[in-house]
Amino acid sequence: MSIVEEKAEVLKRFEKVYDPSLIQAIKNLLDFGLSKQKTDDEALEASIDQGLKESSRGETTPHEQTMKEIKSRYNP
């Protein structure tokens, strides 16, 4: 099942909920998940920005060299 289908299923089931404490618990879980997702997204963006800055300063390893190192490490 795709993420879109999963979300549609959750929404369909949520529409049947009338227990205020369950609704609050779900809201709390969503708030937690969304704040974690935001933190993860920010960390990813910062990592990408750092990589781009390092690349612009020439602080990178050529692909060929990296592949040789990986192959020698994992295929001795």
PDB file of N, CA and C in Angstrom:
ATOM      1  N   MET A   1       0.852  -1.180   0.000  1.00  0.00           N
ATOM      2  CA  MET A   1       0.000   0.000   0.000  1.00  0.00           C
ATOM      3  C   MET A   1       0.897   1.242   0.000  1.00  0.00           C
ATOM      4  N   SER A   2       0.605   2.183  -0.847  1.00  0.00           N
ATOM      5  CA  SER A   2       1.411   3.408  -0.944  1.00  0.00           C
ATOM      6  C   SER A   2       1.134   4.321   0.248  1.00  0.00           C
ATOM      7  N   ILE A   3       1.994   5.305   0.437  1.00  0.00           N
ATOM      8  CA  ILE A   3       1.828   6.258   1.531  1.00  0.00           C
ATOM      9  C   ILE A   3       0.528   7.044   1.380  1.00  0.00           C
ATOM     10  N   VAL A   4       0.152   7.355   0.159  1.00  0.00           N
ATOM     11  CA  VAL A   4      -1.098   8.091  -0.084  1.00  0.00           C
ATOM     12  C   VAL A   4      -2.288   7.234   0.337  1.00  0.00           C
ATOM     13  N   GLU A   5      -2.238   5.954  -0.009  1.00  0.00           N
ATOM     14  CA  GLU A   5      -3.320   5.045   0.376  1.00  0.00           C
ATOM     15  C   GLU A   5      -3.361   4.841   1.887  1.00  0.00           C
ATOM     16  N   GLU A   6      -2.190   4.740   2.499  1.00  0.00           N
ATOM     17  CA  GLU A   6      -2.115   4.593   3.958  1.00  0.00           C
ATOM     18  C   GLU A   6      -2.738   5.800   4.658  1.00  0.00           C
ATOM     19  N   LYS A   7      -2.377   7.005   4.186  1.00  0.00           N
ATOM     20  CA  LYS A   7      -2.916   8.214   4.790  1.00  0.00           C
ATOM     21  C   LYS A   7      -4.430   8.287   4.609  1.00  0.00           C
ATOM     22  N   ALA A   8      -4.923   7.912   3.441  1.00  0.00           N
ATOM     23  CA  ALA A   8      -6.365   7.925   3.190  1.00  0.00           C
ATOM     24  C   ALA A   8      -7.076   6.953   4.132  1.00  0.00           C
ATOM     25  N   GLU A   9      -6.466   5.794   4.360  1.00  0.00           N
ATOM     26  CA  GLU A   9      -7.057   4.807   5.266  1.00  0.00           C
ATOM     27  C   GLU A   9      -7.095   5.334   6.698  1.00  0.00           C
ATOM     28  N   VAL A  10      -6.014   5.977   7.121  1.00  0.00           N
ATOM     29  CA  VAL A  10      -5.967   6.545   8.471  1.00  0.00           C
ATOM     30  C   VAL A  10      -7.047   7.619   8.616  1.00  0.00           C
ATOM     31  N   LEU A  11      -7.177   8.492   7.633  1.00  0.00           N
ATOM     32  CA  LEU A  11      -8.195   9.551   7.697  1.00  0.00           C
ATOM     33  C   LEU A  11      -9.599   8.978   7.743  1.00  0.00           C
ATOM     34  N   LYS A  12      -9.823   7.951   6.958  1.00  0.00           N
ATOM     35  CA  LYS A  12     -11.144   7.308   6.940  1.00  0.00           C
ATOM     36  C   LYS A  12     -11.474   6.730   8.321  1.00  0.00           C
ATOM     37  N   ARG A  13     -10.507   6.080   8.935  1.00  0.00           N
ATOM     38  CA  ARG A  13     -10.731   5.501  10.255  1.00  0.00           C
ATOM     39  C   ARG A  13     -10.853   6.587  11.321  1.00  0.00           C
ATOM     40  N   PHE A  14     -10.063   7.654  11.196  1.00  0.00           N
ATOM     41  CA  PHE A  14     -10.104   8.737  12.175  1.00  0.00           C
ATOM     42  C   PHE A  14     -11.466   9.420  12.203  1.00  0.00           C
ATOM     43  N   GLU A  15     -12.118   9.506  11.052  1.00  0.00           N
ATOM     44  CA  GLU A  15     -13.439  10.132  10.989  1.00  0.00           C
ATOM     45  C   GLU A  15     -14.463   9.400  11.855  1.00  0.00           C
ATOM     46  N   LYS A  16     -14.201   8.157  12.199  1.00  0.00           N
ATOM     47  CA  LYS A  16     -15.124   7.361  13.015  1.00  0.00           C
ATOM     48  C   LYS A  16     -14.860   7.504  14.511  1.00  0.00           C
ATOM     49  N   VAL A  17     -13.821   8.242  14.887  1.00  0.00           N
ATOM     50  CA  VAL A  17     -13.442   8.389  16.292  1.00  0.00           C
ATOM     51  C   VAL A  17     -14.220   9.532  16.924  1.00  0.00           C
ATOM     52  N   TYR A  18     -14.817   9.247  18.106  1.00  0.00           N
ATOM     53  CA  TYR A  18     -15.555  10.275  18.838  1.00  0.00           C
ATOM     54  C   TYR A  18     -15.077  10.406  20.281  1.00  0.00           C
ATOM     55  N   ASP A  19     -14.035   9.682  20.645  1.00  0.00           N
ATOM     56  CA  ASP A  19     -13.491   9.720  21.998  1.00  0.00           C
ATOM     57  C   ASP A  19     -12.490  10.878  22.099  1.00  0.00           C
ATOM     58  N   PRO A  20     -12.817  11.905  22.891  1.00  0.00           N
ATOM     59  CA  PRO A  20     -11.923  13.073  22.991  1.00  0.00           C
ATOM     60  C   PRO A  20     -10.504  12.718  23.444  1.00  0.00           C
ATOM     61  N   SER A  21     -10.376  11.760  24.353  1.00  0.00           N
ATOM     62  CA  SER A  21      -9.033  11.410  24.824  1.00  0.00           C
ATOM     63  C   SER A  21      -8.233  10.714  23.722  1.00  0.00           C
ATOM     64  N   LEU A  22      -8.878   9.919  22.891  1.00  0.00           N
ATOM     65  CA  LEU A  22      -8.192   9.277  21.775  1.00  0.00           C
ATOM     66  C   LEU A  22      -7.799  10.325  20.734  1.00  0.00           C
ATOM     67  N   ILE A  23      -8.683  11.268  20.473  1.00  0.00           N
ATOM     68  CA  ILE A  23      -8.377  12.338  19.522  1.00  0.00           C
ATOM     69  C   ILE A  23      -7.182  13.151  20.021  1.00  0.00           C
ATOM     70  N   GLN A  24      -7.157  13.467  21.322  1.00  0.00           N
ATOM     71  CA  GLN A  24      -6.028  14.224  21.884  1.00  0.00           C
ATOM     72  C   GLN A  24      -4.738  13.419  21.791  1.00  0.00           C
ATOM     73  N   ALA A  25      -4.813  12.123  22.058  1.00  0.00           N
ATOM     74  CA  ALA A  25      -3.624  11.270  21.976  1.00  0.00           C
ATOM     75  C   ALA A  25      -3.092  11.233  20.547  1.00  0.00           C
ATOM     76  N   ILE A  26      -3.972  11.145  19.585  1.00  0.00           N
ATOM     77  CA  ILE A  26      -3.562  11.130  18.182  1.00  0.00           C
ATOM     78  C   ILE A  26      -2.932  12.475  17.805  1.00  0.00           C
ATOM     79  N   LYS A  27      -3.543  13.579  18.261  1.00  0.00           N
ATOM     80  CA  LYS A  27      -2.974  14.899  17.989  1.00  0.00           C
ATOM     81  C   LYS A  27      -1.577  15.016  18.584  1.00  0.00           C
ATOM     82  N   ASN A  28      -1.395  14.518  19.810  1.00  0.00           N
ATOM     83  CA  ASN A  28      -0.085  14.569  20.453  1.00  0.00           C
ATOM     84  C   ASN A  28       0.932  13.753  19.669  1.00  0.00           C
ATOM     85  N   LEU A  29       0.522  12.586  19.213  1.00  0.00           N
ATOM     86  CA  LEU A  29       1.416  11.740  18.423  1.00  0.00           C
ATOM     87  C   LEU A  29       1.798  12.427  17.114  1.00  0.00           C
ATOM     88  N   LEU A  30       0.825  13.049  16.454  1.00  0.00           N
ATOM     89  CA  LEU A  30       1.110  13.778  15.220  1.00  0.00           C
ATOM     90  C   LEU A  30       2.043  14.960  15.473  1.00  0.00           C
ATOM     91  N   ASP A  31       1.803  15.690  16.552  1.00  0.00           N
ATOM     92  CA  ASP A  31       2.685  16.820  16.882  1.00  0.00           C
ATOM     93  C   ASP A  31       4.117  16.345  17.088  1.00  0.00           C
ATOM     94  N   PHE A  32       4.272  15.244  17.823  1.00  0.00           N
ATOM     95  CA  PHE A  32       5.607  14.693  18.059  1.00  0.00           C
ATOM     96  C   PHE A  32       6.258  14.273  16.741  1.00  0.00           C
ATOM     97  N   GLY A  33       5.523  13.542  15.921  1.00  0.00           N
ATOM     98  CA  GLY A  33       6.057  13.066  14.649  1.00  0.00           C
ATOM     99  C   GLY A  33       6.437  14.204  13.717  1.00  0.00           C
ATOM    100  N   LEU A  34       5.599  15.216  13.660  1.00  0.00           N
ATOM    101  CA  LEU A  34       5.880  16.348  12.784  1.00  0.00           C
ATOM    102  C   LEU A  34       7.079  17.155  13.270  1.00  0.00           C
ATOM    103  N   SER A  35       7.241  17.305  14.587  1.00  0.00           N
ATOM    104  CA  SER A  35       8.398  18.041  15.087  1.00  0.00           C
ATOM    105  C   SER A  35       9.673  17.251  14.820  1.00  0.00           C
ATOM    106  N   LYS A  36       9.618  15.918  14.942  1.00  0.00           N
ATOM    107  CA  LYS A  36      10.779  15.078  14.634  1.00  0.00           C
ATOM    108  C   LYS A  36      11.104  15.152  13.143  1.00  0.00           C
ATOM    109  N   GLN A  37      10.069  15.112  12.316  1.00  0.00           N
ATOM    110  CA  GLN A  37      10.277  15.205  10.864  1.00  0.00           C
ATOM    111  C   GLN A  37      10.926  16.531  10.504  1.00  0.00           C
ATOM    112  N   LYS A  38      10.466  17.606  11.132  1.00  0.00           N
ATOM    113  CA  LYS A  38      11.038  18.933  10.867  1.00  0.00           C
ATOM    114  C   LYS A  38      12.510  18.957  11.250  1.00  0.00           C
ATOM    115  N   THR A  39      12.828  18.379  12.411  1.00  0.00           N
ATOM    116  CA  THR A  39      14.218  18.315  12.864  1.00  0.00           C
ATOM    117  C   THR A  39      15.057  17.505  11.892  1.00  0.00           C
ATOM    118  N   ASP A  40      14.529  16.351  11.438  1.00  0.00           N
ATOM    119  CA  ASP A  40      15.242  15.522  10.473  1.00  0.00           C
ATOM    120  C   ASP A  40      15.446  16.268   9.161  1.00  0.00           C
ATOM    121  N   ASP A  41      14.408  16.972   8.700  1.00  0.00           N
ATOM    122  CA  ASP A  41      14.505  17.737   7.453  1.00  0.00           C
ATOM    123  C   ASP A  41      15.555  18.840   7.575  1.00  0.00           C
ATOM    124  N   GLU A  42      15.579  19.514   8.727  1.00  0.00           N
ATOM    125  CA  GLU A  42      16.552  20.583   8.939  1.00  0.00           C
ATOM    126  C   GLU A  42      17.970  20.019   8.979  1.00  0.00           C
ATOM    127  N   ALA A  43      18.133  18.860   9.613  1.00  0.00           N
ATOM    128  CA  ALA A  43      19.460  18.238   9.681  1.00  0.00           C
ATOM    129  C   ALA A  43      19.932  17.825   8.291  1.00  0.00           C
ATOM    130  N   LEU A  44      19.028  17.281   7.491  1.00  0.00           N
ATOM    131  CA  LEU A  44      19.377  16.892   6.130  1.00  0.00           C
ATOM    132  C   LEU A  44      19.778  18.122   5.316  1.00  0.00           C
ATOM    133  N   GLU A  45      19.013  19.181   5.427  1.00  0.00           N
ATOM    134  CA  GLU A  45      19.317  20.406   4.681  1.00  0.00           C
ATOM    135  C   GLU A  45      20.674  20.977   5.107  1.00  0.00           C
ATOM    136  N   ALA A  46      20.960  20.966   6.414  1.00  0.00           N
ATOM    137  CA  ALA A  46      22.243  21.463   6.895  1.00  0.00           C
ATOM    138  C   ALA A  46      23.391  20.606   6.368  1.00  0.00           C
ATOM    139  N   SER A  47      23.172  19.298   6.320  1.00  0.00           N
ATOM    140  CA  SER A  47      24.200  18.390   5.811  1.00  0.00           C
ATOM    141  C   SER A  47      24.464  18.631   4.326  1.00  0.00           C
ATOM    142  N   ILE A  48      23.406  18.824   3.572  1.00  0.00           N
ATOM    143  CA  ILE A  48      23.553  19.112   2.139  1.00  0.00           C
ATOM    144  C   ILE A  48      24.287  20.434   1.939  1.00  0.00           C
ATOM    145  N   ASP A  49      23.904  21.454   2.710  1.00  0.00           N
ATOM    146  CA  ASP A  49      24.575  22.755   2.616  1.00  0.00           C
ATOM    147  C   ASP A  49      26.064  22.629   2.933  1.00  0.00           C
ATOM    148  N   GLN A  50      26.389  21.860   3.968  1.00  0.00           N
ATOM    149  CA  GLN A  50      27.796  21.661   4.329  1.00  0.00           C
ATOM    150  C   GLN A  50      28.541  20.975   3.190  1.00  0.00           C
ATOM    151  N   GLY A  51      27.932  19.955   2.602  1.00  0.00           N
ATOM    152  CA  GLY A  51      28.560  19.256   1.482  1.00  0.00           C
ATOM    153  C   GLY A  51      28.783  20.160   0.285  1.00  0.00           C
ATOM    154  N   LEU A  52      27.829  21.010  -0.009  1.00  0.00           N
ATOM    155  CA  LEU A  52      27.979  21.946  -1.127  1.00  0.00           C
ATOM    156  C   LEU A  52      29.102  22.954  -0.868  1.00  0.00           C
ATOM    157  N   LYS A  53      29.200  23.426   0.377  1.00  0.00           N
ATOM    158  CA  LYS A  53      30.279  24.366   0.717  1.00  0.00           C
ATOM    159  C   LYS A  53      31.634  23.685   0.597  1.00  0.00           C
ATOM    160  N   GLU A  54      31.729  22.440   1.096  1.00  0.00           N
ATOM    161  CA  GLU A  54      32.992  21.703   0.992  1.00  0.00           C
ATOM    162  C   GLU A  54      33.356  21.473  -0.477  1.00  0.00           C
ATOM    163  N   SER A  55      32.362  21.147  -1.274  1.00  0.00           N
ATOM    164  CA  SER A  55      32.596  20.916  -2.698  1.00  0.00           C
ATOM    165  C   SER A  55      33.093  22.190  -3.385  1.00  0.00           C
ATOM    166  N   SER A  56      32.486  23.328  -3.060  1.00  0.00           N
ATOM    167  CA  SER A  56      32.891  24.591  -3.692  1.00  0.00           C
ATOM    168  C   SER A  56      34.310  24.989  -3.285  1.00  0.00           C
ATOM    169  N   ARG A  57      34.776  24.498  -2.119  1.00  0.00           N
ATOM    170  CA  ARG A  57      36.151  24.773  -1.680  1.00  0.00           C
ATOM    171  C   ARG A  57      37.122  23.710  -2.184  1.00  0.00           C
ATOM    172  N   GLY A  58      36.615  22.750  -2.948  1.00  0.00           N
ATOM    173  CA  GLY A  58      37.466  21.698  -3.497  1.00  0.00           C
ATOM    174  C   GLY A  58      37.829  20.621  -2.493  1.00  0.00           C
ATOM    175  N   GLU A  59      37.057  20.509  -1.441  1.00  0.00           N
ATOM    176  CA  GLU A  59      37.334  19.534  -0.384  1.00  0.00           C
ATOM    177  C   GLU A  59      36.584  18.225  -0.646  1.00  0.00           C
ATOM    178  N   THR A  60      36.730  17.701  -1.836  1.00  0.00           N
ATOM    179  CA  THR A  60      36.030  16.462  -2.185  1.00  0.00           C
ATOM    180  C   THR A  60      37.020  15.420  -2.672  1.00  0.00           C
ATOM    181  N   THR A  61      36.549  14.185  -2.706  1.00  0.00           N
ATOM    182  CA  THR A  61      37.350  13.081  -3.224  1.00  0.00           C
ATOM    183  C   THR A  61      36.736  12.650  -4.547  1.00  0.00           C
ATOM    184  N   PRO A  62      37.534  12.493  -5.586  1.00  0.00           N
ATOM    185  CA  PRO A  62      36.988  12.062  -6.871  1.00  0.00           C
ATOM    186  C   PRO A  62      36.271  10.700  -6.752  1.00  0.00           C
ATOM    187  N   HIS A  63      35.254  10.543  -7.552  1.00  0.00           N
ATOM    188  CA  HIS A  63      34.446   9.323  -7.535  1.00  0.00           C
ATOM    189  C   HIS A  63      35.307   8.080  -7.728  1.00  0.00           C
ATOM    190  N   GLU A  64      36.215   8.121  -8.677  1.00  0.00           N
ATOM    191  CA  GLU A  64      37.048   6.962  -8.975  1.00  0.00           C
ATOM    192  C   GLU A  64      37.862   6.541  -7.752  1.00  0.00           C
ATOM    193  N   GLN A  65      38.422   7.510  -7.056  1.00  0.00           N
ATOM    194  CA  GLN A  65      39.217   7.205  -5.867  1.00  0.00           C
ATOM    195  C   GLN A  65      38.336   6.617  -4.762  1.00  0.00           C
ATOM    196  N   THR A  66      37.166   7.184  -4.569  1.00  0.00           N
ATOM    197  CA  THR A  66      36.242   6.683  -3.561  1.00  0.00           C
ATOM    198  C   THR A  66      35.851   5.243  -3.862  1.00  0.00           C
ATOM    199  N   MET A  67      35.560   4.950  -5.130  1.00  0.00           N
ATOM    200  CA  MET A  67      35.172   3.590  -5.507  1.00  0.00           C
ATOM    201  C   MET A  67      36.320   2.612  -5.283  1.00  0.00           C
ATOM    202  N   LYS A  68      37.554   3.012  -5.573  1.00  0.00           N
ATOM    203  CA  LYS A  68      38.711   2.144  -5.323  1.00  0.00           C
ATOM    204  C   LYS A  68      38.844   1.832  -3.840  1.00  0.00           C
ATOM    205  N   GLU A  69      38.659   2.853  -3.005  1.00  0.00           N
ATOM    206  CA  GLU A  69      38.750   2.655  -1.560  1.00  0.00           C
ATOM    207  C   GLU A  69      37.650   1.724  -1.055  1.00  0.00           C
ATOM    208  N   ILE A  70      36.450   1.889  -1.542  1.00  0.00           N
ATOM    209  CA  ILE A  70      35.337   1.041  -1.123  1.00  0.00           C
ATOM    210  C   ILE A  70      35.575  -0.398  -1.556  1.00  0.00           C
ATOM    211  N   LYS A  71      35.988  -0.575  -2.805  1.00  0.00           N
ATOM    212  CA  LYS A  71      36.228  -1.928  -3.316  1.00  0.00           C
ATOM    213  C   LYS A  71      37.359  -2.611  -2.555  1.00  0.00           C
ATOM    214  N   SER A  72      38.424  -1.864  -2.240  1.00  0.00           N
ATOM    215  CA  SER A  72      39.535  -2.487  -1.523  1.00  0.00           C
ATOM    216  C   SER A  72      39.145  -2.822  -0.078  1.00  0.00           C
ATOM    217  N   ARG A  73      38.261  -2.040   0.484  1.00  0.00           N
ATOM    218  CA  ARG A  73      37.835  -2.287   1.859  1.00  0.00           C
ATOM    219  C   ARG A  73      36.867  -3.467   1.952  1.00  0.00           C
ATOM    220  N   TYR A  74      35.957  -3.581   1.011  1.00  0.00           N
ATOM    221  CA  TYR A  74      34.896  -4.590   1.098  1.00  0.00           C
ATOM    222  C   TYR A  74      35.114  -5.792   0.175  1.00  0.00           C
ATOM    223  N   ASN A  75      36.107  -5.734  -0.700  1.00  0.00           N
ATOM    224  CA  ASN A  75      36.433  -6.851  -1.581  1.00  0.00           C
ATOM    225  C   ASN A  75      37.940  -7.098  -1.530  1.00  0.00           C
ATOM    226  N   PRO A  76      38.451  -7.509  -0.363  1.00  0.00           N
ATOM    227  CA  PRO A  76      39.908  -7.651  -0.229  1.00  0.00           C
ATOM    228  C   PRO A  76      40.485  -8.741  -1.104  1.00  0.00           C
TER     229      PRO A  76
END
